[in-house]
Amino acid sequence: MALADKLAAIDCGLGYACQFCPQEDVCALDKPHHNRVLIENRLAEIDQIILVLANKGGVGKSTVSANLAAGLAGRGFKVGVADADVHGPNQSRFFGFAGEHVRLGDSGLATRDYADPAMAQPVKVGSLAFLLESDDTPVVWRDAYKHDFVHHLAGSFDWGPLDFLIVDMPPGTGNELITLCDMLEGANVSALLVTTPQAVALMDSMKAARFCHERGLPILGVVENMAGMVCPHCAGEIHIFPNADLESRLAEAAVETVARVPLAIELASASDDGAPLVISAPESAAAKAFAPAVDACAALGRADFDGAVAHALDDVFAENLRADTLEEALAELDPLAQAEMRDAVTSLLGEEAARLHDAASAGEQKRGQS
């Protein structure tokens, strides 16, 4: 085998792209191969990827992304938030990490982990904001740099195993979205569109929907943000945008509205304070409004969740049969009694494993019918 072929077959094993490596100038290994393998390895540990899209800025993609991630984490899923908005990376603030930075280790760029007692697992947050000198540092990049950062976001951040990676997309259907879609070919990727009821926002949302249809990207639905508000004085409902016939336009595009989130001061305050409302004030009307969107995403992961639990318990049961404590207990019995007891324990654990697999299968069939 030629030296070049031998080098191409070797990977350094570091968890970050070659551009971050101090040995880049002298390293003779195949750099494109390493960067490709790095992304493949990261994606292999992520079950579902949700792109939160809107062709228009200012409609609340970041708010939806943060609360969607926190809502899923509150239901027991392992969740990460990838902030792909290069020019306005706000997820650091939405989770209370404004002004903080991350370090580069052998496993890659560290995420910042948002923890709360209401969540079994912390939300992992990766953002360009963690790599900037300060929060008000402008990012003035051409498309080539954006292309590289999108690859770093997926490959160089140390996401670990995740049930969901929520990607907060920048406005538009440009370089970042195209790069991500190309990179995520073959992965479990879906889109969640965000719009306001305003006609101009709806028009741009239809462009995003059309992009998804042409790209073959499944659309979970639309989150209608700023869908009215409650007057703080009379408690009456106020619609601040004129009726743009949202439902009929979405129906034409074969897209349904999955959630309507009101314009609420507590939602804006929670975002500014770095505490997603679905966790910090779950009983508020605005927080509850996110539930159907969380349901729509959770259904994707839940299809394999029960089965994954059942298979994981198979390993636990098998380990129990090999446990030292069991062997010590059996050692007190005569050989015949040992065999009978081992058979009884094996049968009992086998029956329970079969019950769990049947329950997982039944749940999957029920979801398929609904």
Protein backbone atom coordinates (compact mmCIF):
# COMPACT_ATOMS: atom_id res chain seq x y z
CA MET A 1 0.00 0.00 0.00
CA ALA A 2 1.33 3.44 -0.94
CA LEU A 3 2.17 5.86 1.87
CA ALA A 4 -0.61 8.23 0.79
CA ASP A 5 -3.16 5.40 0.98
CA LYS A 6 -1.90 4.37 4.41
CA LEU A 7 -2.22 7.91 5.69
CA ALA A 8 -5.70 8.22 4.22
CA ALA A 9 -6.80 5.16 6.21
CA ILE A 10 -5.60 6.68 9.53
CA ASP A 11 -7.63 9.11 11.61
CA CYS A 12 -6.15 11.07 14.49
CA GLY A 13 -9.22 10.47 16.67
CA LEU A 14 -9.42 14.06 17.89
CA GLY A 15 -12.93 15.44 18.32
CA TYR A 16 -12.49 18.69 16.43
CA ALA A 17 -11.89 19.83 12.87
CA CYS A 18 -8.40 20.31 11.49
CA GLN A 19 -8.76 24.12 11.45
CA PHE A 20 -8.67 24.09 15.27
CA CYS A 21 -5.59 21.86 15.47
CA PRO A 22 -2.15 23.36 16.28
CA GLN A 23 -0.60 20.53 14.23
CA GLU A 24 -2.54 21.37 11.06
CA ASP A 25 0.45 22.83 9.22
CA VAL A 26 2.68 19.81 9.84
CA CYS A 27 0.11 16.98 9.95
CA ALA A 28 0.42 14.58 7.00
CA LEU A 29 -2.89 12.76 7.59
CA ASP A 30 -5.85 13.12 5.24
CA LYS A 31 -7.59 16.25 6.56
CA PRO A 32 -10.78 16.02 4.47
CA HIS A 33 -11.13 12.40 5.61
CA HIS A 34 -10.83 13.40 9.27
CA ASN A 35 -13.37 16.22 8.99
CA ARG A 36 -15.82 13.94 7.18
CA VAL A 37 -15.43 11.11 9.72
CA LEU A 38 -15.81 13.59 12.57
CA ILE A 39 -19.23 14.73 11.35
CA GLU A 40 -20.34 11.18 10.56
CA ASN A 41 -19.44 10.05 14.08
CA ARG A 42 -21.33 12.94 15.67
CA LEU A 43 -24.45 12.39 13.58
CA ALA A 44 -24.41 8.65 14.30
CA GLU A 45 -25.12 9.46 17.97
CA ILE A 46 -28.06 11.80 17.26
CA ASP A 47 -31.47 10.24 16.71
CA GLN A 48 -33.59 13.17 15.44
CA ILE A 49 -32.61 16.59 14.08
CA ILE A 50 -35.21 19.38 13.99
CA LEU A 51 -34.49 22.47 11.88
CA VAL A 52 -36.46 25.46 13.17
CA LEU A 53 -36.98 27.55 10.03
CA ALA A 54 -38.45 30.82 8.85
CA ASN A 55 -37.61 32.69 5.70
CA LYS A 56 -38.18 35.94 7.60
CA GLY A 57 -36.28 37.32 10.58
CA GLY A 58 -37.90 38.47 13.80
CA VAL A 59 -40.69 35.91 13.94
CA GLY A 60 -39.36 34.05 16.99
CA LYS A 61 -37.29 31.11 15.74
CA SER A 62 -34.88 31.38 18.66
CA THR A 63 -37.70 31.60 21.21
CA VAL A 64 -39.38 28.53 19.71
CA SER A 65 -36.08 26.63 19.50
CA ALA A 66 -35.18 27.26 23.15
CA ASN A 67 -38.60 26.37 24.53
CA LEU A 68 -38.94 23.35 22.25
CA ALA A 69 -35.59 22.02 23.46
CA ALA A 70 -36.41 22.66 27.11
CA GLY A 71 -39.85 21.09 26.67
CA LEU A 72 -38.37 17.91 25.22
CA ALA A 73 -35.74 17.77 27.96
CA GLY A 74 -38.53 18.13 30.50
CA ARG A 75 -40.04 14.94 29.11
CA GLY A 76 -36.87 12.96 29.65
CA PHE A 77 -35.17 13.24 26.26
CA LYS A 78 -31.49 14.06 25.78
CA VAL A 79 -31.49 17.33 23.86
CA GLY A 80 -29.01 19.72 22.30
CA VAL A 81 -29.51 23.16 20.74
CA ALA A 82 -27.25 24.09 17.82
CA ASP A 83 -27.28 27.83 17.14
CA ALA A 84 -26.77 28.14 13.39
CA ASP A 85 -27.65 31.83 13.25
CA VAL A 86 -24.17 33.12 12.47
CA HIS A 87 -24.99 36.84 12.53
CA GLY A 88 -27.35 36.73 15.51
CA PRO A 89 -26.38 33.82 17.79
CA ASN A 90 -28.82 34.27 20.69
CA GLN A 91 -29.13 30.82 22.25
CA SER A 92 -26.35 31.69 24.70
CA ARG A 93 -28.63 34.37 26.20
CA PHE A 94 -31.80 32.27 26.02
CA PHE A 95 -30.19 29.69 28.31
CA GLY A 96 -28.39 32.12 30.62
CA PHE A 97 -24.88 31.82 29.17
CA ALA A 98 -24.45 35.33 27.76
CA GLY A 99 -20.79 36.36 27.74
CA GLU A 100 -19.52 32.85 28.53
CA HIS A 101 -16.94 30.94 26.51
CA VAL A 102 -16.07 27.29 25.92
CA ARG A 103 -12.79 25.41 25.75
CA LEU A 104 -11.38 23.06 23.14
CA GLY A 105 -10.49 19.59 24.41
CA ASP A 106 -9.57 16.29 22.79
CA SER A 107 -13.28 15.48 22.47
CA GLY A 108 -14.03 18.77 20.73
CA LEU A 109 -15.56 22.09 21.69
CA ALA A 110 -17.40 21.83 24.98
CA THR A 111 -21.08 22.69 25.06
CA ARG A 112 -22.62 24.76 27.82
CA ASP A 113 -25.15 22.63 29.66
CA TYR A 114 -28.37 24.17 30.98
CA ALA A 115 -29.62 22.20 33.97
CA ASP A 116 -32.85 22.48 35.93
CA PRO A 117 -34.46 20.17 38.52
CA ALA A 118 -37.46 19.84 36.19
CA MET A 119 -35.28 18.16 33.55
CA ALA A 120 -33.74 14.72 33.88
CA GLN A 121 -30.97 15.72 31.47
CA PRO A 122 -29.38 19.13 30.84
CA VAL A 123 -29.87 20.86 27.50
CA LYS A 124 -26.55 21.03 25.63
CA VAL A 125 -26.04 24.40 23.92
CA GLY A 126 -23.54 25.07 21.12
CA SER A 127 -23.23 28.53 19.64
CA LEU A 128 -20.82 30.81 17.82
CA ALA A 129 -21.44 33.25 20.69
CA PHE A 130 -19.19 31.10 22.88
CA LEU A 131 -16.29 31.70 20.49
CA LEU A 132 -16.66 35.47 20.12
CA GLU A 133 -14.76 38.04 22.15
CA SER A 134 -17.96 39.65 23.41
CA ASP A 135 -21.71 39.53 22.78
CA ASP A 136 -21.64 42.67 20.64
CA THR A 137 -18.84 41.46 18.35
CA PRO A 138 -20.21 41.60 14.78
CA VAL A 139 -19.71 38.57 12.54
CA VAL A 140 -18.76 39.85 9.08
CA TRP A 141 -18.24 36.68 7.07
CA ARG A 142 -18.51 35.60 3.49
CA ASP A 143 -20.26 32.34 2.62
CA ALA A 144 -17.08 30.24 2.73
CA TYR A 145 -16.65 31.00 6.45
CA LYS A 146 -20.32 30.30 7.13
CA HIS A 147 -19.97 26.96 5.32
CA ASP A 148 -17.05 26.03 7.58
CA PHE A 149 -18.83 27.09 10.76
CA VAL A 150 -21.89 24.96 9.99
CA HIS A 151 -19.55 21.97 9.72
CA HIS A 152 -17.87 22.94 13.02
CA LEU A 153 -21.27 23.29 14.68
CA ALA A 154 -22.19 19.71 13.81
CA GLY A 155 -18.76 18.12 13.97
CA SER A 156 -16.53 20.02 16.39
CA PHE A 157 -18.97 20.59 19.26
CA ASP A 158 -19.04 17.60 21.62
CA TRP A 159 -22.75 16.76 21.51
CA GLY A 160 -22.49 13.17 22.68
CA PRO A 161 -25.53 10.86 22.36
CA LEU A 162 -28.75 12.84 21.82
CA ASP A 163 -32.38 12.01 21.22
CA PHE A 164 -32.90 15.43 19.62
CA LEU A 165 -30.71 18.16 18.20
CA ILE A 166 -32.72 21.36 17.72
CA VAL A 167 -31.10 23.66 15.15
CA ASP A 168 -31.95 27.36 15.44
CA MET A 169 -31.62 28.46 11.81
CA PRO A 170 -30.89 31.96 10.50
CA PRO A 171 -33.51 33.69 8.33
CA GLY A 172 -33.71 32.76 4.68
CA THR A 173 -33.01 29.76 2.50
CA GLY A 174 -29.37 30.54 1.83
CA ASN A 175 -25.94 29.11 2.45
CA GLU A 176 -26.37 27.85 6.01
CA LEU A 177 -29.56 25.94 5.23
CA ILE A 178 -28.22 24.47 2.00
CA THR A 179 -24.98 23.43 3.71
CA LEU A 180 -26.86 21.76 6.56
CA CYS A 181 -29.24 19.92 4.27
CA ASP A 182 -26.33 18.61 2.21
CA MET A 183 -24.44 17.55 5.32
CA LEU A 184 -27.46 15.86 6.91
CA GLU A 185 -28.40 13.68 3.94
CA GLY A 186 -29.38 10.29 5.30
CA ALA A 187 -30.01 11.53 8.86
CA ASN A 188 -33.43 11.77 10.52
CA VAL A 189 -34.16 15.43 9.76
CA SER A 190 -37.45 17.33 9.96
CA ALA A 191 -38.40 21.00 9.77
CA LEU A 192 -40.57 23.08 12.06
CA LEU A 193 -41.65 26.38 10.49
CA VAL A 194 -42.21 29.55 12.50
CA THR A 195 -44.32 32.51 11.37
CA THR A 196 -46.40 35.37 12.69
CA PRO A 197 -49.95 35.92 11.39
CA GLN A 198 -48.78 38.96 9.42
CA ALA A 199 -49.22 38.62 5.66
CA VAL A 200 -45.60 39.46 4.80
CA ALA A 201 -44.29 36.89 7.30
CA LEU A 202 -46.72 34.30 5.95
CA MET A 203 -45.54 34.98 2.40
CA ASP A 204 -41.96 34.32 3.44
CA SER A 205 -43.00 31.22 5.38
CA MET A 206 -44.53 29.80 2.21
CA LYS A 207 -41.12 30.18 0.55
CA ALA A 208 -39.55 28.15 3.35
CA ALA A 209 -42.28 25.51 3.01
CA ARG A 210 -41.67 25.30 -0.71
CA PHE A 211 -37.94 24.87 -0.12
CA CYS A 212 -38.68 21.94 2.22
CA HIS A 213 -41.01 20.30 -0.30
CA GLU A 214 -38.51 20.65 -3.13
CA ARG A 215 -35.71 19.35 -0.92
CA GLY A 216 -37.76 16.42 0.37
CA LEU A 217 -37.47 17.69 3.95
CA PRO A 218 -40.46 16.58 6.07
CA ILE A 219 -42.37 19.45 7.72
CA LEU A 220 -43.75 18.78 11.21
CA GLY A 221 -45.94 21.85 10.96
CA VAL A 222 -46.02 25.57 11.67
CA VAL A 223 -45.75 27.38 14.98
CA GLU A 224 -47.79 30.57 14.75
CA ASN A 225 -45.96 32.98 17.05
CA MET A 226 -47.36 36.28 18.39
CA ALA A 227 -50.84 34.83 17.78
CA GLY A 228 -52.70 37.52 19.63
CA MET A 229 -52.30 38.71 23.22
CA VAL A 230 -54.36 39.10 26.37
CA CYS A 231 -55.01 42.66 27.47
CA PRO A 232 -53.51 43.16 30.96
CA HIS A 233 -56.40 45.51 31.88
CA CYS A 234 -59.62 43.87 30.64
CA ALA A 235 -58.29 40.33 29.98
CA GLY A 236 -59.76 40.49 26.49
CA GLU A 237 -57.95 38.93 23.54
CA ILE A 238 -56.27 41.31 21.12
CA HIS A 239 -55.06 40.43 17.61
CA ILE A 240 -52.26 42.81 16.73
CA PHE A 241 -51.81 41.56 13.15
CA PRO A 242 -54.50 41.71 10.47
CA ASN A 243 -55.95 38.34 9.46
CA ALA A 244 -53.78 37.02 6.62
CA ASP A 245 -55.90 33.88 6.08
CA LEU A 246 -53.11 31.77 7.55
CA GLU A 247 -54.99 28.49 7.65
CA SER A 248 -56.02 28.43 3.99
CA ARG A 249 -52.52 29.36 2.81
CA LEU A 250 -50.97 26.63 4.92
CA ALA A 251 -53.56 24.13 3.70
CA GLU A 252 -52.57 24.94 0.11
CA ALA A 253 -49.00 23.99 1.04
CA ALA A 254 -50.18 20.82 2.85
CA VAL A 255 -48.85 22.16 6.15
CA GLU A 256 -50.77 22.33 9.42
CA THR A 257 -50.49 24.67 12.36
CA VAL A 258 -49.21 22.68 15.35
CA ALA A 259 -49.10 25.47 17.94
CA ARG A 260 -50.21 29.06 18.49
CA VAL A 261 -48.06 31.00 20.92
CA PRO A 262 -49.39 34.35 22.20
CA LEU A 263 -47.40 37.54 22.47
CA ALA A 264 -46.69 37.58 26.21
CA ILE A 265 -44.43 39.72 28.36
CA GLU A 266 -43.49 36.72 30.51
CA LEU A 267 -42.20 34.91 27.44
CA ALA A 268 -39.99 37.84 26.46
CA SER A 269 -38.79 38.25 30.05
CA ALA A 270 -37.91 34.57 30.36
CA SER A 271 -35.85 34.76 27.17
CA ASP A 272 -33.99 37.83 28.43
CA ASP A 273 -33.43 36.20 31.82
CA GLY A 274 -32.01 33.00 30.30
CA ALA A 275 -34.69 30.63 31.61
CA PRO A 276 -37.00 29.02 28.99
CA LEU A 277 -40.61 29.67 29.98
CA VAL A 278 -41.73 26.04 29.59
CA ILE A 279 -39.40 25.21 32.50
CA SER A 280 -39.41 28.41 34.56
CA ALA A 281 -43.21 28.97 34.43
CA PRO A 282 -44.77 25.79 33.00
CA GLU A 283 -48.31 26.70 34.12
CA SER A 284 -48.38 30.00 32.24
CA ALA A 285 -50.60 30.23 29.16
CA ALA A 286 -47.65 31.00 26.89
CA ALA A 287 -45.69 28.00 28.18
CA LYS A 288 -48.65 25.66 27.70
CA ALA A 289 -49.03 26.94 24.13
CA PHE A 290 -45.75 25.24 23.22
CA ALA A 291 -47.03 21.79 24.27
CA PRO A 292 -48.49 20.73 20.88
CA ALA A 293 -45.20 21.58 19.13
CA VAL A 294 -43.30 19.59 21.74
CA ASP A 295 -45.78 16.73 21.22
CA ALA A 296 -45.18 16.76 17.47
CA CYS A 297 -41.43 16.48 17.92
CA ALA A 298 -41.61 14.01 20.82
CA ALA A 299 -43.66 11.64 18.65
CA LEU A 300 -40.64 11.26 16.35
CA GLY A 301 -38.35 10.17 19.12
CA ARG A 302 -40.97 8.26 21.08
CA ALA A 303 -41.43 5.83 18.20
CA ASP A 304 -38.03 4.34 19.01
CA PHE A 305 -37.83 5.42 22.67
CA ASP A 306 -39.86 2.57 24.20
CA GLY A 307 -38.05 0.01 22.09
CA ALA A 308 -34.69 1.45 23.06
CA VAL A 309 -35.63 1.20 26.73
CA ALA A 310 -36.73 -2.41 26.26
CA HIS A 311 -33.47 -3.33 24.54
CA ALA A 312 -31.46 -1.52 27.20
CA LEU A 313 -33.23 -3.54 29.89
CA ASP A 314 -32.31 -6.72 28.02
CA ASP A 315 -28.69 -5.85 28.79
CA VAL A 316 -29.55 -5.07 32.42
CA PHE A 317 -31.35 -8.41 32.83
CA ALA A 318 -28.46 -10.29 31.24
CA GLU A 319 -26.06 -8.51 33.61
CA ASN A 320 -28.24 -9.48 36.57
CA LEU A 321 -27.92 -13.15 35.62
CA ARG A 322 -24.15 -12.77 35.80
CA ALA A 323 -24.13 -10.71 39.01
CA ASP A 324 -21.76 -11.78 41.82
CA THR A 325 -24.52 -11.35 44.42
CA LEU A 326 -26.68 -13.89 42.58
CA GLU A 327 -23.79 -16.35 42.39
CA GLU A 328 -23.11 -15.90 46.10
CA ALA A 329 -26.76 -16.57 46.93
CA LEU A 330 -26.86 -19.66 44.72
CA ALA A 331 -23.66 -20.98 46.28
CA GLU A 332 -25.57 -21.56 49.52
CA LEU A 333 -27.82 -24.10 47.76
CA ASP A 334 -27.19 -27.66 46.67
CA PRO A 335 -26.46 -28.21 42.93
CA LEU A 336 -30.04 -29.29 42.08
CA ALA A 337 -31.57 -26.31 43.88
CA GLN A 338 -29.03 -24.00 42.20
CA ALA A 339 -30.13 -25.18 38.76
CA GLU A 340 -33.83 -24.85 39.61
CA MET A 341 -33.37 -21.34 41.06
CA ARG A 342 -31.26 -20.19 38.10
CA ASP A 343 -33.94 -21.46 35.70
CA ALA A 344 -36.65 -19.67 37.70
CA VAL A 345 -34.77 -16.34 37.70
CA THR A 346 -33.98 -16.66 34.00
CA SER A 347 -37.62 -17.43 33.21
CA LEU A 348 -38.87 -14.53 35.33
CA LEU A 349 -36.52 -12.01 33.71
CA GLY A 350 -37.31 -13.42 30.27
CA GLU A 351 -41.04 -12.96 30.83
CA GLU A 352 -40.53 -9.38 31.95
CA ALA A 353 -38.33 -8.62 28.93
CA ALA A 354 -40.97 -10.09 26.61
CA ARG A 355 -43.65 -7.96 28.29
CA LEU A 356 -41.61 -4.79 27.78
CA HIS A 357 -40.97 -5.61 24.12
CA ASP A 358 -44.69 -6.31 23.58
CA ALA A 359 -45.56 -3.00 25.22
CA ALA A 360 -43.08 -1.16 23.02
CA SER A 361 -44.45 -2.85 19.90
CA ALA A 362 -48.04 -2.08 20.87
CA GLY A 363 -47.16 1.55 21.50
CA GLU A 364 -45.51 1.81 18.12
CA GLN A 365 -48.56 0.28 16.38
CA LYS A 366 -50.90 2.66 18.22
CA ARG A 367 -48.83 5.67 17.15
CA GLY A 368 -48.84 4.43 13.58
CA GLN A 369 -52.66 4.30 13.58
CA SER A 370 -53.06 7.78 15.08
